Amino acid sequence: MANSGCSGNCSSCSQSCSDRKNESLLEPSGEYNNIKHVIGVVSGKGGVGKSLVTSSLAVLMHKMGYKVGILDADITGPSIPKTFGINSRAMQNELGILPAESKEGIKIMSINLLLDDKESPVLWRGPVIAGAVKQFWTDTIWHDIDYMFIDCPPGTGDVPLTVFQSLPLDGIVVVTSPQELVSMIVAKAIKMADMMNVPVLGVVENMSYFECKECKAQHKIFGESHIDEIAKEFGTQVLAKVPMDPSLAKCVDTGSIELFVGDYFENAVNVIEDNLSVK
């Protein structure tokens, strides 16, 4: 019960009582937006291929007929526009920011779409970067989106925390690689999701193996994978094991990810569709 001196303003009170109001930190999207599902792509460390996974999932979902958007929350290391070969800048009108669109129609918002020089570093401190991510969510005119993918920076710092607290995540996809510290990487991401009450849709293991074109043998460049046991340990599932594929890397490097032909992420998008239906 509230004490006798309660003013009813929970934000200025340090006491915990049964009448205390749970205040949501979620930021509403713009009034012109109808975003049905939001999926974060995260990892406990950098360099594991979150942007590749984000882009690939978005492309496949779009090919399945859904309206798809990507919010590039990696402010200091944005790579989504390059992956899609987008060189134009985002425009703005009296209603807000207009996202860029890929050749196939995927809507994209990234800090690199606002910079005069795409190679200029973003020398901002955490709170400013977090504020930019929120603005991408609130001030961008996304219109109708069935699946919004958030490409998060690595770790559990200001920006990932902002994404978890301020955006209405329906689930996350954890990206990792088959190295010995993989258990720790996955654990950090999943435990953060648990603390924020966000479902874990599954784990994608990138750079899982290399397949020889001549003999078709799979070579484990980073050693034997333990991702199946780790996923089971944390009560989740493996969505995909993505090989080191030069053709996929070339599509990313040349900005033609939408032209890649492969089924590496087919199971992942099916799981997303089954868990987060827009029907």
Protein backbone atom coordinates (compact mmCIF):
# COMPACT_ATOMS: atom_id res chain seq x y z
CA MET A 1 0.00 0.00 0.00
CA ALA A 2 1.11 3.58 -0.59
CA ASN A 3 2.14 5.55 2.49
CA SER A 4 0.07 8.42 3.83
CA GLY A 5 2.35 11.06 2.32
CA CYS A 6 2.14 9.65 -1.21
CA SER A 7 1.79 12.32 -3.89
CA GLY A 8 0.97 9.83 -6.62
CA ASN A 9 4.08 10.80 -8.59
CA CYS A 10 6.11 7.59 -8.81
CA SER A 11 8.86 9.20 -10.89
CA SER A 12 10.05 11.29 -7.93
CA CYS A 13 9.74 8.53 -5.33
CA SER A 14 12.36 5.96 -4.32
CA GLN A 15 9.96 3.80 -2.33
CA SER A 16 8.64 0.47 -3.54
CA CYS A 17 4.99 -0.25 -2.85
CA SER A 18 2.09 -2.22 -4.29
CA ASP A 19 0.56 0.94 -5.78
CA ARG A 20 3.70 1.91 -7.65
CA LYS A 21 3.05 2.46 -11.36
CA ASN A 22 5.20 0.66 -13.92
CA GLU A 23 6.41 3.35 -16.27
CA SER A 24 7.20 2.23 -19.79
CA LEU A 25 10.27 3.64 -21.53
CA LEU A 26 8.96 2.61 -24.95
CA GLU A 27 9.00 5.35 -27.56
CA PRO A 28 5.97 5.48 -29.85
CA SER A 29 6.73 5.44 -33.53
CA GLY A 30 5.49 8.31 -35.70
CA GLU A 31 1.78 8.86 -36.25
CA TYR A 32 2.14 7.93 -39.93
CA ASN A 33 3.72 4.56 -39.16
CA ASN A 34 2.20 1.12 -38.83
CA ILE A 35 5.01 -1.23 -37.80
CA LYS A 36 3.74 -4.69 -36.94
CA HIS A 37 6.86 -6.54 -35.72
CA VAL A 38 10.30 -5.39 -34.56
CA ILE A 39 13.25 -7.81 -34.44
CA GLY A 40 16.67 -6.98 -33.02
CA VAL A 41 19.82 -8.59 -34.44
CA VAL A 42 22.40 -8.63 -31.63
CA SER A 43 25.68 -10.10 -30.44
CA GLY A 44 27.88 -10.03 -27.38
CA LYS A 45 30.91 -9.03 -29.50
CA GLY A 46 31.74 -7.34 -32.78
CA GLY A 47 32.93 -8.77 -36.06
CA VAL A 48 30.55 -11.73 -36.20
CA GLY A 49 28.41 -10.53 -39.11
CA LYS A 50 25.31 -8.91 -37.61
CA SER A 51 24.86 -6.61 -40.60
CA LEU A 52 25.15 -9.53 -43.02
CA VAL A 53 22.54 -11.47 -41.05
CA THR A 54 20.26 -8.43 -40.74
CA SER A 55 20.44 -7.74 -44.47
CA SER A 56 19.96 -11.37 -45.47
CA LEU A 57 16.91 -11.83 -43.22
CA ALA A 58 15.38 -8.60 -44.53
CA VAL A 59 15.95 -9.60 -48.17
CA LEU A 60 14.36 -13.03 -47.73
CA MET A 61 11.36 -11.66 -45.83
CA HIS A 62 10.86 -9.11 -48.60
CA LYS A 63 11.04 -11.84 -51.25
CA MET A 64 8.29 -13.64 -49.34
CA GLY A 65 6.05 -10.66 -50.04
CA TYR A 66 6.34 -8.74 -46.78
CA LYS A 67 6.95 -5.01 -46.34
CA VAL A 68 10.35 -4.78 -44.68
CA GLY A 69 12.46 -2.06 -43.09
CA ILE A 70 15.94 -1.91 -41.54
CA LEU A 71 16.91 0.53 -38.80
CA ASP A 72 20.70 0.67 -38.64
CA ALA A 73 21.35 1.27 -34.94
CA ASP A 74 25.11 0.83 -35.31
CA ILE A 75 25.75 4.58 -35.39
CA THR A 76 29.55 4.46 -35.18
CA GLY A 77 29.94 1.54 -37.59
CA PRO A 78 27.07 1.73 -40.09
CA SER A 79 27.27 -0.69 -43.00
CA ILE A 80 23.69 -1.37 -44.11
CA PRO A 81 23.57 1.27 -46.90
CA LYS A 82 26.77 -0.11 -48.48
CA THR A 83 25.42 -3.65 -48.30
CA PHE A 84 22.45 -2.54 -50.42
CA GLY A 85 24.45 -0.24 -52.70
CA ILE A 86 22.67 2.91 -51.52
CA ASN A 87 24.65 6.08 -52.17
CA SER A 88 21.88 8.68 -51.98
CA ARG A 89 21.08 10.66 -48.86
CA ALA A 90 17.89 10.41 -46.83
CA MET A 91 15.47 13.27 -47.50
CA GLN A 92 13.28 15.19 -45.09
CA ASN A 93 9.99 17.02 -45.30
CA GLU A 94 7.68 18.76 -42.84
CA LEU A 95 6.46 15.38 -41.55
CA GLY A 96 9.85 13.82 -40.78
CA ILE A 97 12.74 11.86 -42.28
CA LEU A 98 12.11 9.83 -45.42
CA PRO A 99 14.05 6.53 -45.41
CA ALA A 100 16.07 5.43 -48.39
CA GLU A 101 14.83 2.43 -50.34
CA SER A 102 16.82 -0.45 -51.79
CA LYS A 103 16.44 -1.46 -55.43
CA GLU A 104 13.80 -4.01 -54.42
CA GLY A 105 11.95 -1.68 -52.04
CA ILE A 106 13.33 -2.39 -48.56
CA LYS A 107 13.18 0.80 -46.48
CA ILE A 108 16.43 1.73 -44.73
CA MET A 109 17.48 4.36 -42.20
CA SER A 110 21.14 4.78 -41.21
CA ILE A 111 23.40 7.58 -40.00
CA ASN A 112 25.42 7.21 -43.22
CA LEU A 113 22.37 8.42 -45.13
CA LEU A 114 22.64 11.75 -43.31
CA LEU A 115 26.39 12.40 -43.63
CA ASP A 116 28.00 14.52 -46.37
CA ASP A 117 31.05 12.25 -46.27
CA LYS A 118 30.23 8.57 -45.66
CA GLU A 119 33.79 7.97 -44.43
CA SER A 120 33.59 10.65 -41.72
CA PRO A 121 33.70 9.13 -38.21
CA VAL A 122 30.80 9.78 -35.87
CA LEU A 123 32.52 11.19 -32.78
CA TRP A 124 29.55 11.23 -30.43
CA ARG A 125 29.19 10.11 -26.84
CA GLY A 126 26.77 7.38 -25.79
CA PRO A 127 23.71 9.47 -24.88
CA VAL A 128 23.84 11.38 -28.18
CA ILE A 129 24.16 8.15 -30.15
CA ALA A 130 21.26 6.62 -28.23
CA GLY A 131 19.20 9.72 -28.98
CA ALA A 132 19.88 9.33 -32.70
CA VAL A 133 18.61 5.74 -32.63
CA LYS A 134 15.39 6.89 -30.96
CA GLN A 135 14.99 9.59 -33.58
CA PHE A 136 15.34 7.04 -36.36
CA TRP A 137 12.40 5.23 -34.76
CA THR A 138 10.19 8.22 -33.92
CA ASP A 139 10.96 10.72 -36.70
CA THR A 140 11.30 8.48 -39.75
CA ILE A 141 8.23 8.13 -41.97
CA TRP A 142 8.23 4.35 -42.33
CA HIS A 143 4.51 4.00 -43.19
CA ASP A 144 3.47 0.31 -43.31
CA ILE A 145 6.11 -2.21 -42.24
CA ASP A 146 5.42 -5.90 -41.56
CA TYR A 147 8.91 -6.70 -40.22
CA MET A 148 11.39 -4.12 -38.97
CA PHE A 149 14.94 -5.41 -38.40
CA ILE A 150 17.22 -3.49 -36.03
CA ASP A 151 20.95 -3.89 -36.73
CA CYS A 152 22.39 -3.37 -33.24
CA PRO A 153 25.98 -2.53 -32.32
CA PRO A 154 27.80 -5.23 -30.32
CA GLY A 155 27.77 -5.57 -26.56
CA THR A 156 25.39 -4.40 -23.86
CA GLY A 157 26.17 -0.66 -23.76
CA ASP A 158 24.10 2.48 -24.26
CA VAL A 159 22.75 1.78 -27.74
CA PRO A 160 21.74 -1.88 -27.32
CA LEU A 161 20.14 -0.90 -24.01
CA THR A 162 18.26 1.93 -25.75
CA VAL A 163 17.00 -0.49 -28.40
CA PHE A 164 15.82 -2.98 -25.76
CA GLN A 165 14.13 -0.33 -23.59
CA SER A 166 12.83 2.18 -26.12
CA LEU A 167 11.75 0.06 -29.10
CA PRO A 168 8.94 -2.53 -28.89
CA LEU A 169 11.05 -5.59 -29.67
CA ASP A 170 9.06 -8.73 -30.42
CA GLY A 171 12.23 -10.82 -30.31
CA ILE A 172 15.94 -10.95 -31.01
CA VAL A 173 18.23 -13.03 -33.20
CA VAL A 174 21.65 -13.66 -31.64
CA VAL A 175 24.60 -13.81 -34.04
CA THR A 176 27.83 -15.57 -33.14
CA SER A 177 30.79 -17.45 -34.64
CA PRO A 178 32.21 -20.94 -33.88
CA GLN A 179 35.02 -19.89 -31.54
CA GLU A 180 35.77 -21.03 -28.01
CA LEU A 181 34.33 -17.89 -26.41
CA VAL A 182 31.01 -18.40 -28.19
CA SER A 183 29.29 -19.55 -24.99
CA MET A 184 30.13 -16.28 -23.26
CA ILE A 185 29.00 -14.23 -26.29
CA VAL A 186 25.65 -15.98 -26.51
CA ALA A 187 25.17 -15.88 -22.75
CA LYS A 188 25.62 -12.10 -22.56
CA ALA A 189 23.09 -11.46 -25.32
CA ILE A 190 20.50 -13.93 -24.03
CA LYS A 191 20.81 -12.79 -20.42
CA MET A 192 20.33 -9.18 -21.49
CA ALA A 193 17.20 -10.21 -23.39
CA ASP A 194 15.93 -12.09 -20.33
CA MET A 195 16.50 -9.05 -18.12
CA MET A 196 14.56 -6.89 -20.59
CA ASN A 197 11.79 -9.52 -21.01
CA VAL A 198 12.44 -9.84 -24.75
CA PRO A 199 12.02 -13.28 -26.38
CA VAL A 200 15.03 -14.92 -28.06
CA LEU A 201 13.98 -16.26 -31.45
CA GLY A 202 17.20 -18.19 -31.92
CA VAL A 203 20.89 -18.13 -32.76
CA VAL A 204 22.67 -17.75 -36.10
CA GLU A 205 26.20 -19.10 -36.34
CA ASN A 206 28.11 -17.14 -38.98
CA MET A 207 31.41 -18.31 -40.55
CA SER A 208 30.41 -21.79 -39.46
CA TYR A 209 32.53 -23.61 -42.05
CA PHE A 210 34.07 -23.37 -45.52
CA GLU A 211 32.93 -25.73 -48.24
CA CYS A 212 35.45 -26.72 -50.91
CA LYS A 213 33.97 -26.29 -54.39
CA GLU A 214 35.87 -29.28 -55.78
CA CYS A 215 35.40 -31.96 -53.13
CA LYS A 216 32.41 -30.44 -51.28
CA ALA A 217 34.10 -31.18 -47.95
CA GLN A 218 33.30 -28.82 -45.09
CA HIS A 219 36.34 -27.36 -43.36
CA LYS A 220 35.88 -25.94 -39.85
CA ILE A 221 38.21 -22.93 -40.05
CA PHE A 222 37.49 -21.84 -36.48
CA GLY A 223 37.31 -25.33 -35.00
CA GLU A 224 34.40 -27.60 -34.25
CA SER A 225 31.09 -25.89 -33.59
CA HIS A 226 29.35 -26.30 -30.24
CA ILE A 227 26.42 -24.05 -31.10
CA ASP A 228 23.81 -26.82 -30.87
CA GLU A 229 24.78 -27.67 -27.28
CA ILE A 230 25.00 -23.99 -26.34
CA ALA A 231 21.59 -23.22 -27.81
CA LYS A 232 20.10 -26.15 -25.91
CA GLU A 233 21.79 -24.96 -22.70
CA PHE A 234 20.08 -21.58 -22.99
CA GLY A 235 16.73 -22.98 -24.08
CA THR A 236 16.76 -21.64 -27.62
CA GLN A 237 17.34 -22.98 -31.14
CA VAL A 238 19.88 -22.68 -33.94
CA LEU A 239 18.27 -20.78 -36.80
CA ALA A 240 21.12 -21.09 -39.29
CA LYS A 241 24.73 -22.15 -39.76
CA VAL A 242 26.12 -19.83 -42.41
CA PRO A 243 29.33 -20.84 -44.21
CA MET A 244 32.18 -18.62 -45.34
CA ASP A 245 30.82 -18.14 -48.85
CA PRO A 246 32.89 -15.91 -51.19
CA SER A 247 29.84 -15.27 -53.39
CA LEU A 248 27.86 -13.97 -50.41
CA ALA A 249 30.80 -11.83 -49.30
CA LYS A 250 31.08 -10.40 -52.81
CA CYS A 251 27.39 -9.48 -52.85
CA VAL A 252 27.82 -7.63 -49.56
CA ASP A 253 30.99 -5.85 -50.68
CA THR A 254 29.50 -4.75 -54.01
CA GLY A 255 26.18 -3.61 -52.55
CA SER A 256 24.18 -6.33 -54.27
CA ILE A 257 22.96 -8.41 -51.32
CA GLU A 258 19.51 -8.58 -52.94
CA LEU A 259 20.99 -10.57 -55.85
CA PHE A 260 22.43 -13.35 -53.69
CA VAL A 261 20.88 -16.77 -54.29
CA GLY A 262 21.11 -19.18 -51.37
CA ASP A 263 19.03 -20.90 -48.72
CA TYR A 264 21.22 -20.31 -45.65
CA PHE A 265 18.54 -18.25 -43.90
CA GLU A 266 15.43 -20.08 -45.08
CA ASN A 267 14.84 -21.79 -41.74
CA ALA A 268 15.44 -18.54 -39.86
CA VAL A 269 12.79 -16.57 -41.75
CA ASN A 270 10.34 -19.46 -41.41
CA VAL A 271 10.80 -19.41 -37.63
CA ILE A 272 10.31 -15.64 -37.57
CA GLU A 273 7.18 -15.94 -39.70
CA ASP A 274 5.78 -18.74 -37.52
CA ASN A 275 6.43 -16.88 -34.26
CA LEU A 276 5.52 -13.38 -35.44
CA SER A 277 2.71 -13.73 -37.94
CA VAL A 278 1.27 -10.64 -39.61
CA LYS A 279 -1.83 -12.44 -40.88
